[in-house]
N, C-alpha and C. Protein backbone atom coordinates (compact mmCIF):
# COMPACT_ATOMS: atom_id res chain seq x y z
N MET A 1 0.85 -1.17 0.00
CA MET A 1 0.00 0.00 0.00
C MET A 1 0.90 1.24 0.00
N ARG A 2 0.58 2.19 -0.81
CA ARG A 2 1.35 3.43 -0.90
C ARG A 2 1.15 4.26 0.36
N ARG A 3 2.18 5.08 0.66
CA ARG A 3 2.13 5.92 1.85
C ARG A 3 0.95 6.89 1.82
N ALA A 4 0.63 7.42 0.65
CA ALA A 4 -0.49 8.36 0.54
C ALA A 4 -1.79 7.68 0.96
N THR A 5 -1.97 6.46 0.52
CA THR A 5 -3.17 5.72 0.88
C THR A 5 -3.17 5.43 2.37
N GLN A 6 -2.02 5.02 2.91
CA GLN A 6 -1.93 4.75 4.35
C GLN A 6 -2.25 6.00 5.16
N THR A 7 -1.68 7.11 4.75
CA THR A 7 -1.91 8.37 5.46
C THR A 7 -3.38 8.76 5.40
N GLY A 8 -3.98 8.61 4.23
CA GLY A 8 -5.40 8.92 4.08
C GLY A 8 -6.27 8.04 4.96
N LEU A 9 -5.96 6.76 5.00
CA LEU A 9 -6.74 5.84 5.83
C LEU A 9 -6.59 6.17 7.31
N ILE A 10 -5.40 6.56 7.72
CA ILE A 10 -5.20 6.95 9.12
C ILE A 10 -5.99 8.22 9.43
N ALA A 11 -5.87 9.21 8.57
CA ALA A 11 -6.50 10.51 8.81
C ALA A 11 -8.02 10.44 8.82
N PHE A 12 -8.59 9.60 7.97
CA PHE A 12 -10.04 9.55 7.84
C PHE A 12 -10.61 8.22 8.30
N ASP A 13 -9.94 7.57 9.23
CA ASP A 13 -10.29 6.23 9.69
C ASP A 13 -11.76 6.11 10.09
N LYS A 14 -12.25 7.04 10.90
CA LYS A 14 -13.63 6.94 11.39
C LYS A 14 -14.63 7.00 10.23
N HIS A 15 -14.36 7.86 9.26
CA HIS A 15 -15.29 8.01 8.13
C HIS A 15 -15.24 6.80 7.20
N VAL A 16 -14.04 6.28 6.98
CA VAL A 16 -13.89 5.12 6.11
C VAL A 16 -14.55 3.91 6.74
N THR A 17 -14.31 3.70 8.03
CA THR A 17 -14.89 2.57 8.75
C THR A 17 -16.41 2.67 8.77
N ALA A 18 -16.93 3.87 8.94
CA ALA A 18 -18.38 4.06 8.99
C ALA A 18 -19.00 4.00 7.59
N GLY A 19 -18.19 4.05 6.57
CA GLY A 19 -18.70 3.99 5.20
C GLY A 19 -19.22 5.33 4.69
N THR A 20 -18.93 6.42 5.41
CA THR A 20 -19.42 7.74 4.99
C THR A 20 -18.47 8.44 4.03
N LEU A 21 -17.30 7.85 3.82
CA LEU A 21 -16.34 8.45 2.92
C LEU A 21 -15.73 7.34 2.06
N PRO A 22 -15.97 7.40 0.75
CA PRO A 22 -15.39 6.37 -0.11
C PRO A 22 -13.88 6.60 -0.25
N VAL A 23 -13.14 5.52 -0.40
CA VAL A 23 -11.70 5.61 -0.57
C VAL A 23 -11.37 5.47 -2.04
N VAL A 24 -10.68 6.47 -2.57
CA VAL A 24 -10.25 6.43 -3.96
C VAL A 24 -8.74 6.66 -3.95
N ALA A 25 -8.01 5.69 -4.43
CA ALA A 25 -6.56 5.81 -4.48
C ALA A 25 -6.14 6.07 -5.92
N HIS A 26 -5.32 7.06 -6.11
CA HIS A 26 -4.85 7.42 -7.43
C HIS A 26 -3.35 7.16 -7.49
N GLU A 27 -2.88 6.51 -8.51
CA GLU A 27 -1.48 6.11 -8.63
C GLU A 27 -0.52 7.29 -8.51
N SER A 28 -0.90 8.47 -8.97
CA SER A 28 0.03 9.59 -8.91
C SER A 28 0.01 10.30 -7.55
N ALA A 29 -0.80 9.82 -6.63
CA ALA A 29 -0.89 10.44 -5.31
C ALA A 29 0.08 9.76 -4.34
N HIS A 30 1.33 9.71 -4.69
CA HIS A 30 2.32 9.13 -3.79
C HIS A 30 3.51 10.08 -3.69
N GLU A 31 4.40 9.76 -2.81
CA GLU A 31 5.51 10.66 -2.56
C GLU A 31 6.33 10.90 -3.82
N ILE A 32 6.92 12.08 -3.88
CA ILE A 32 7.71 12.48 -5.03
C ILE A 32 9.18 12.43 -4.64
N GLY A 33 9.96 11.72 -5.41
CA GLY A 33 11.41 11.69 -5.19
C GLY A 33 11.82 11.13 -3.84
N GLY A 34 10.95 10.33 -3.22
CA GLY A 34 11.30 9.72 -1.95
C GLY A 34 11.29 10.67 -0.76
N LYS A 35 10.69 11.83 -0.92
CA LYS A 35 10.68 12.80 0.17
C LYS A 35 9.43 12.69 1.03
N HIS A 36 8.55 11.78 0.74
CA HIS A 36 7.35 11.52 1.53
C HIS A 36 6.52 12.79 1.75
N THR A 37 6.27 13.51 0.68
CA THR A 37 5.55 14.78 0.79
C THR A 37 4.12 14.60 1.28
N CYS A 38 3.58 13.42 1.15
CA CYS A 38 2.19 13.22 1.55
C CYS A 38 2.05 12.69 2.97
N ASP A 39 3.14 12.36 3.61
CA ASP A 39 3.07 11.71 4.91
C ASP A 39 2.90 12.75 6.02
N LYS A 40 1.74 12.79 6.58
CA LYS A 40 1.43 13.73 7.66
C LYS A 40 1.15 12.99 8.96
N ARG A 41 1.69 11.78 9.08
CA ARG A 41 1.41 10.98 10.27
C ARG A 41 1.92 11.64 11.55
N LEU A 42 3.07 12.28 11.48
CA LEU A 42 3.59 12.92 12.68
C LEU A 42 2.67 14.07 13.12
N ASP A 43 2.18 14.83 12.14
CA ASP A 43 1.22 15.89 12.45
C ASP A 43 -0.06 15.31 13.04
N LEU A 44 -0.51 14.20 12.49
CA LEU A 44 -1.71 13.55 12.99
C LEU A 44 -1.49 13.06 14.42
N ALA A 45 -0.35 12.47 14.69
CA ALA A 45 -0.05 12.01 16.05
C ALA A 45 -0.05 13.18 17.03
N GLN A 46 0.54 14.30 16.60
CA GLN A 46 0.57 15.51 17.44
C GLN A 46 -0.87 15.97 17.75
N LEU A 47 -1.69 16.00 16.72
CA LEU A 47 -3.08 16.42 16.89
C LEU A 47 -3.83 15.48 17.83
N LYS A 48 -3.64 14.18 17.64
CA LYS A 48 -4.31 13.19 18.51
C LYS A 48 -3.87 13.38 19.96
N ALA A 49 -2.58 13.62 20.19
CA ALA A 49 -2.08 13.82 21.55
C ALA A 49 -2.68 15.07 22.17
N GLU A 50 -2.73 16.16 21.39
CA GLU A 50 -3.25 17.42 21.89
C GLU A 50 -4.74 17.36 22.21
N THR A 51 -5.47 16.50 21.51
CA THR A 51 -6.91 16.39 21.76
C THR A 51 -7.24 15.31 22.78
N GLY A 52 -6.20 14.71 23.37
CA GLY A 52 -6.42 13.74 24.44
C GLY A 52 -6.55 12.29 24.00
N ASP A 53 -6.46 12.04 22.70
CA ASP A 53 -6.55 10.66 22.21
C ASP A 53 -5.15 10.07 22.19
N VAL A 54 -4.64 9.79 23.38
CA VAL A 54 -3.25 9.38 23.56
C VAL A 54 -2.98 8.02 22.92
N ASP A 55 -3.93 7.10 23.05
CA ASP A 55 -3.74 5.77 22.45
C ASP A 55 -3.62 5.86 20.93
N ALA A 56 -4.45 6.70 20.32
CA ALA A 56 -4.37 6.87 18.87
C ALA A 56 -3.06 7.52 18.47
N ALA A 57 -2.61 8.49 19.25
CA ALA A 57 -1.33 9.15 18.96
C ALA A 57 -0.20 8.13 19.02
N GLU A 58 -0.26 7.26 20.01
CA GLU A 58 0.77 6.22 20.14
C GLU A 58 0.73 5.26 18.96
N GLN A 59 -0.46 4.90 18.51
CA GLN A 59 -0.59 4.02 17.35
C GLN A 59 0.01 4.65 16.10
N VAL A 60 -0.29 5.91 15.89
CA VAL A 60 0.23 6.60 14.71
C VAL A 60 1.76 6.68 14.79
N LEU A 61 2.29 6.99 15.95
CA LEU A 61 3.75 7.04 16.11
C LEU A 61 4.39 5.69 15.82
N GLU A 62 3.74 4.62 16.26
CA GLU A 62 4.27 3.28 16.01
C GLU A 62 4.26 2.92 14.53
N SER A 63 3.36 3.56 13.76
CA SER A 63 3.27 3.26 12.33
C SER A 63 4.34 3.97 11.50
N LEU A 64 5.09 4.88 12.12
CA LEU A 64 6.13 5.60 11.40
C LEU A 64 7.27 4.66 11.02
N PRO A 65 7.89 4.90 9.87
CA PRO A 65 9.08 4.12 9.51
C PRO A 65 10.20 4.38 10.52
N PRO A 66 11.10 3.42 10.72
CA PRO A 66 12.16 3.57 11.73
C PRO A 66 12.97 4.85 11.61
N GLU A 67 13.29 5.28 10.38
CA GLU A 67 14.11 6.49 10.23
C GLU A 67 13.35 7.73 10.69
N GLU A 68 12.02 7.74 10.55
CA GLU A 68 11.23 8.88 11.00
C GLU A 68 11.05 8.87 12.51
N LYS A 69 11.00 7.68 13.10
CA LYS A 69 10.88 7.57 14.55
C LYS A 69 12.09 8.17 15.26
N MET A 70 13.22 8.20 14.57
CA MET A 70 14.45 8.71 15.17
C MET A 70 14.59 10.23 15.04
N GLN A 71 13.72 10.86 14.26
CA GLN A 71 13.78 12.31 14.11
C GLN A 71 13.44 12.97 15.44
N HIS A 72 14.03 14.14 15.66
CA HIS A 72 13.87 14.86 16.92
C HIS A 72 12.40 15.10 17.27
N GLN A 73 11.62 15.57 16.31
CA GLN A 73 10.20 15.87 16.57
C GLN A 73 9.43 14.62 16.97
N ALA A 74 9.70 13.50 16.33
CA ALA A 74 9.02 12.25 16.65
C ALA A 74 9.42 11.76 18.05
N ARG A 75 10.70 11.88 18.39
CA ARG A 75 11.14 11.46 19.72
C ARG A 75 10.54 12.33 20.80
N GLN A 76 10.44 13.63 20.53
CA GLN A 76 9.83 14.54 21.49
C GLN A 76 8.36 14.18 21.71
N LEU A 77 7.66 13.92 20.62
CA LEU A 77 6.24 13.59 20.72
C LEU A 77 6.05 12.24 21.43
N ALA A 78 6.90 11.28 21.13
CA ALA A 78 6.81 9.97 21.80
C ALA A 78 7.00 10.12 23.31
N ALA A 79 7.92 10.97 23.70
CA ALA A 79 8.14 11.20 25.14
C ALA A 79 6.91 11.87 25.75
N ARG A 80 6.35 12.85 25.05
CA ARG A 80 5.15 13.53 25.57
C ARG A 80 3.98 12.56 25.70
N VAL A 81 3.81 11.70 24.71
CA VAL A 81 2.72 10.72 24.75
C VAL A 81 2.90 9.79 25.95
N LYS A 82 4.13 9.40 26.20
CA LYS A 82 4.39 8.54 27.36
C LYS A 82 4.02 9.25 28.66
N PHE A 83 4.38 10.52 28.77
CA PHE A 83 4.04 11.29 29.97
C PHE A 83 2.52 11.44 30.09
N LEU A 84 1.85 11.68 28.97
CA LEU A 84 0.38 11.82 28.99
C LEU A 84 -0.29 10.54 29.45
N LYS A 85 0.23 9.40 29.00
CA LYS A 85 -0.35 8.11 29.41
C LYS A 85 -0.21 7.92 30.92
N GLN A 86 0.94 8.29 31.45
CA GLN A 86 1.16 8.14 32.88
C GLN A 86 0.30 9.12 33.68
N ALA A 87 0.00 10.27 33.12
CA ALA A 87 -0.74 11.30 33.83
C ALA A 87 -2.17 10.90 34.13
N GLY A 88 -2.74 10.05 33.32
CA GLY A 88 -4.12 9.64 33.55
C GLY A 88 -4.31 8.89 34.85
N GLN A 89 -3.23 8.42 35.45
CA GLN A 89 -3.30 7.62 36.67
C GLN A 89 -2.80 8.39 37.89
N LEU A 90 -2.59 9.68 37.77
CA LEU A 90 -1.99 10.44 38.86
C LEU A 90 -3.03 11.05 39.78
N PRO A 91 -2.73 11.08 41.10
CA PRO A 91 -3.58 11.83 42.03
C PRO A 91 -3.39 13.33 41.79
N PRO A 92 -4.28 14.16 42.28
CA PRO A 92 -4.15 15.61 42.10
C PRO A 92 -2.85 16.15 42.71
N MET A 93 -2.34 17.24 42.13
CA MET A 93 -1.10 17.85 42.60
C MET A 93 -1.18 18.24 44.07
N SER A 94 -2.30 18.82 44.46
CA SER A 94 -2.44 19.29 45.85
C SER A 94 -2.28 18.13 46.84
N GLU A 95 -2.82 16.98 46.49
CA GLU A 95 -2.71 15.79 47.34
C GLU A 95 -1.24 15.35 47.44
N LEU A 96 -0.54 15.39 46.31
CA LEU A 96 0.87 14.99 46.31
C LEU A 96 1.72 15.97 47.12
N GLU A 97 1.42 17.25 47.00
CA GLU A 97 2.16 18.27 47.76
C GLU A 97 1.94 18.09 49.25
N GLN A 98 0.70 17.75 49.66
CA GLN A 98 0.42 17.49 51.07
C GLN A 98 1.19 16.26 51.56
N THR A 99 1.23 15.23 50.73
CA THR A 99 1.97 14.02 51.09
C THR A 99 3.44 14.34 51.30
N LEU A 100 4.01 15.15 50.40
CA LEU A 100 5.43 15.50 50.52
C LEU A 100 5.70 16.42 51.71
N ALA A 101 4.73 17.24 52.08
CA ALA A 101 4.90 18.09 53.26
C ALA A 101 5.00 17.22 54.51
N ALA A 102 4.21 16.15 54.54
CA ALA A 102 4.22 15.23 55.69
C ALA A 102 5.38 14.24 55.61
N GLU A 103 5.70 13.79 54.38
CA GLU A 103 6.76 12.80 54.16
C GLU A 103 7.66 13.27 53.02
N PRO A 104 8.65 14.10 53.31
CA PRO A 104 9.50 14.68 52.25
C PRO A 104 10.24 13.65 51.39
N ASP A 105 10.42 12.46 51.90
CA ASP A 105 11.16 11.43 51.15
C ASP A 105 10.25 10.39 50.51
N ASN A 106 8.98 10.69 50.34
CA ASN A 106 8.03 9.75 49.73
C ASN A 106 8.34 9.65 48.23
N ALA A 107 8.95 8.53 47.85
CA ALA A 107 9.42 8.36 46.47
C ALA A 107 8.29 8.42 45.46
N GLU A 108 7.18 7.77 45.75
CA GLU A 108 6.07 7.76 44.80
C GLU A 108 5.51 9.16 44.58
N ALA A 109 5.35 9.91 45.66
CA ALA A 109 4.83 11.28 45.54
C ALA A 109 5.79 12.17 44.76
N LEU A 110 7.10 11.99 45.00
CA LEU A 110 8.09 12.77 44.24
C LEU A 110 7.98 12.50 42.75
N HIS A 111 7.88 11.22 42.39
CA HIS A 111 7.79 10.85 40.98
C HIS A 111 6.50 11.38 40.35
N GLN A 112 5.39 11.18 41.02
CA GLN A 112 4.10 11.61 40.46
C GLN A 112 4.01 13.13 40.34
N LEU A 113 4.53 13.84 41.33
CA LEU A 113 4.52 15.31 41.25
C LEU A 113 5.42 15.79 40.10
N ALA A 114 6.54 15.10 39.89
CA ALA A 114 7.42 15.45 38.77
C ALA A 114 6.67 15.29 37.44
N LEU A 115 5.89 14.22 37.31
CA LEU A 115 5.11 14.02 36.08
C LEU A 115 4.09 15.13 35.88
N HIS A 116 3.45 15.56 36.95
CA HIS A 116 2.51 16.69 36.85
C HIS A 116 3.23 17.93 36.31
N HIS A 117 4.43 18.18 36.84
CA HIS A 117 5.17 19.37 36.40
C HIS A 117 5.59 19.26 34.93
N VAL A 118 5.92 18.07 34.49
CA VAL A 118 6.25 17.87 33.07
C VAL A 118 5.06 18.28 32.21
N LEU A 119 3.88 17.81 32.58
CA LEU A 119 2.69 18.08 31.78
C LEU A 119 2.29 19.55 31.82
N LYS A 120 2.61 20.23 32.90
CA LYS A 120 2.34 21.67 32.99
C LYS A 120 3.38 22.48 32.23
N GLY A 121 4.47 21.83 31.82
CA GLY A 121 5.54 22.55 31.12
C GLY A 121 6.56 23.14 32.07
N ASP A 122 6.44 22.84 33.36
CA ASP A 122 7.39 23.32 34.36
C ASP A 122 8.51 22.28 34.48
N ASN A 123 9.31 22.21 33.42
CA ASN A 123 10.30 21.14 33.29
C ASN A 123 11.44 21.23 34.29
N ALA A 124 11.87 22.43 34.63
CA ALA A 124 12.96 22.58 35.59
C ALA A 124 12.53 22.02 36.95
N GLN A 125 11.31 22.32 37.36
CA GLN A 125 10.80 21.80 38.64
C GLN A 125 10.68 20.28 38.58
N ALA A 126 10.24 19.76 37.45
CA ALA A 126 10.13 18.31 37.29
C ALA A 126 11.50 17.66 37.41
N MET A 127 12.50 18.24 36.75
CA MET A 127 13.85 17.67 36.81
C MET A 127 14.42 17.76 38.23
N GLU A 128 14.12 18.84 38.92
CA GLU A 128 14.59 18.99 40.31
C GLU A 128 13.99 17.89 41.19
N LEU A 129 12.71 17.62 41.02
CA LEU A 129 12.04 16.56 41.79
C LEU A 129 12.62 15.19 41.46
N LEU A 130 12.92 14.96 40.20
CA LEU A 130 13.49 13.67 39.79
C LEU A 130 14.91 13.48 40.35
N ILE A 131 15.70 14.55 40.38
CA ILE A 131 17.02 14.48 41.00
C ILE A 131 16.86 14.18 42.50
N ARG A 132 15.92 14.85 43.12
CA ARG A 132 15.65 14.60 44.55
C ARG A 132 15.23 13.15 44.78
N LEU A 133 14.41 12.62 43.90
CA LEU A 133 14.00 11.22 44.00
C LEU A 133 15.21 10.29 43.90
N MET A 134 16.12 10.60 43.00
CA MET A 134 17.33 9.78 42.88
C MET A 134 18.16 9.84 44.16
N GLN A 135 18.17 10.99 44.82
CA GLN A 135 18.91 11.12 46.07
C GLN A 135 18.24 10.32 47.19
N VAL A 136 16.91 10.30 47.17
CA VAL A 136 16.14 9.58 48.19
C VAL A 136 16.21 8.07 47.97
N ASP A 137 15.96 7.65 46.72
CA ASP A 137 15.92 6.21 46.42
C ASP A 137 16.19 6.02 44.93
N SER A 138 17.45 5.88 44.57
CA SER A 138 17.82 5.78 43.16
C SER A 138 17.27 4.52 42.49
N GLN A 139 16.92 3.51 43.28
CA GLN A 139 16.41 2.26 42.70
C GLN A 139 14.88 2.16 42.73
N TYR A 140 14.21 3.23 43.13
CA TYR A 140 12.75 3.23 43.16
C TYR A 140 12.21 2.86 41.78
N ARG A 141 11.36 1.84 41.75
CA ARG A 141 10.75 1.33 40.51
C ARG A 141 11.80 1.15 39.41
N ASP A 142 12.82 0.42 39.74
CA ASP A 142 13.89 0.09 38.80
C ASP A 142 14.57 1.31 38.18
N GLY A 143 14.77 2.33 38.99
CA GLY A 143 15.49 3.52 38.52
C GLY A 143 14.66 4.42 37.62
N ILE A 144 13.37 4.51 37.91
CA ILE A 144 12.47 5.29 37.04
C ILE A 144 12.82 6.78 37.03
N ALA A 145 13.42 7.29 38.09
CA ALA A 145 13.79 8.71 38.11
C ALA A 145 14.79 9.01 37.00
N LYS A 146 15.81 8.17 36.89
CA LYS A 146 16.82 8.37 35.84
C LYS A 146 16.19 8.20 34.46
N THR A 147 15.38 7.16 34.30
CA THR A 147 14.72 6.91 33.01
C THR A 147 13.85 8.09 32.62
N THR A 148 13.09 8.61 33.57
CA THR A 148 12.20 9.74 33.29
C THR A 148 13.00 10.98 32.95
N LEU A 149 14.11 11.20 33.66
CA LEU A 149 14.97 12.34 33.34
C LEU A 149 15.49 12.26 31.91
N VAL A 150 15.97 11.09 31.53
CA VAL A 150 16.50 10.92 30.18
C VAL A 150 15.40 11.13 29.13
N GLU A 151 14.21 10.64 29.40
CA GLU A 151 13.08 10.86 28.48
C GLU A 151 12.73 12.34 28.40
N LEU A 152 12.80 13.02 29.52
CA LEU A 152 12.54 14.46 29.54
C LEU A 152 13.63 15.21 28.77
N PHE A 153 14.88 14.78 28.93
CA PHE A 153 15.97 15.38 28.14
C PHE A 153 15.69 15.21 26.65
N ASP A 154 15.23 14.02 26.25
CA ASP A 154 14.89 13.77 24.84
C ASP A 154 13.76 14.68 24.39
N LYS A 155 12.75 14.82 25.23
CA LYS A 155 11.59 15.65 24.89
C LYS A 155 11.99 17.11 24.66
N LEU A 156 12.88 17.61 25.52
CA LEU A 156 13.26 19.02 25.44
C LEU A 156 14.37 19.29 24.44
N GLY A 157 15.24 18.32 24.22
CA GLY A 157 16.35 18.52 23.29
C GLY A 157 17.58 19.07 23.99
N ASN A 158 18.73 18.83 23.38
CA ASN A 158 20.01 19.21 23.98
C ASN A 158 20.25 20.71 24.06
N SER A 159 19.51 21.49 23.28
CA SER A 159 19.74 22.93 23.29
C SER A 159 19.05 23.63 24.46
N ASP A 160 18.17 22.93 25.16
CA ASP A 160 17.47 23.52 26.30
C ASP A 160 18.46 23.75 27.44
N PRO A 161 18.51 24.98 27.99
CA PRO A 161 19.49 25.27 29.05
C PRO A 161 19.26 24.42 30.31
N ASP A 162 18.00 24.14 30.65
CA ASP A 162 17.72 23.31 31.82
C ASP A 162 18.25 21.89 31.63
N VAL A 163 18.18 21.40 30.41
CA VAL A 163 18.68 20.05 30.13
C VAL A 163 20.18 20.00 30.43
N ARG A 164 20.91 21.01 30.01
CA ARG A 164 22.35 21.03 30.27
C ARG A 164 22.65 21.04 31.77
N VAL A 165 21.90 21.85 32.51
CA VAL A 165 22.10 21.94 33.96
C VAL A 165 21.81 20.60 34.63
N TYR A 166 20.68 20.01 34.28
CA TYR A 166 20.27 18.78 34.96
C TYR A 166 21.01 17.54 34.45
N ARG A 167 21.54 17.59 33.26
CA ARG A 167 22.43 16.50 32.81
C ARG A 167 23.68 16.47 33.69
N ARG A 168 24.21 17.67 33.98
CA ARG A 168 25.39 17.75 34.85
C ARG A 168 25.07 17.23 36.25
N LYS A 169 23.91 17.62 36.76
CA LYS A 169 23.51 17.16 38.09
C LYS A 169 23.35 15.64 38.11
N LEU A 170 22.76 15.10 37.06
CA LEU A 170 22.58 13.65 36.97
C LEU A 170 23.95 12.96 36.91
N TYR A 171 24.83 13.49 36.10
CA TYR A 171 26.16 12.92 35.97
C TYR A 171 26.89 12.93 37.32
N THR A 172 26.82 14.08 38.01
CA THR A 172 27.47 14.21 39.32
C THR A 172 26.88 13.22 40.31
N LEU A 173 25.59 13.07 40.29
CA LEU A 173 24.91 12.16 41.21
C LEU A 173 25.29 10.70 40.95
N MET A 174 25.48 10.37 39.68
CA MET A 174 25.80 8.99 39.33
C MET A 174 27.28 8.66 39.55
N HIS A 175 28.14 9.67 39.56
CA HIS A 175 29.59 9.40 39.69
C HIS A 175 30.08 10.00 40.94
């Protein structure tokens, strides 16, 4: 199946499945010169994530060819989708803050509050909480603090000043 047809089927899945939109594939409606001009799957995944359809966004990301999955934008979106999936299971921030006020070393509350901060876009605070979690219990849930930090670094990219600061802190903590 040509990429144009695949992209069309992904984009209009509900209409095609319901039979309200006929599918017509035209041979000349495919990528030109191998540049995949018709492939908007990454945009579709972004849209699905932004509208809360996290499972669909994840499906679309999984359908990308391996070379596209490695692109910076795709890796950033994959990290965001992962954080969004985890967020659906989180207690409210206020509850987590109260827990930490009573138990400053509560590993689960530190991790969950860090995820809330990631989703709010307060990445520096999230990274600070994850570093604190590593100081409290570096092996909590098989080292999830380090894993989450690395995923957050991927999401933000190497040019982010906070990433540089917290990479150094992570390195110092590990060595």
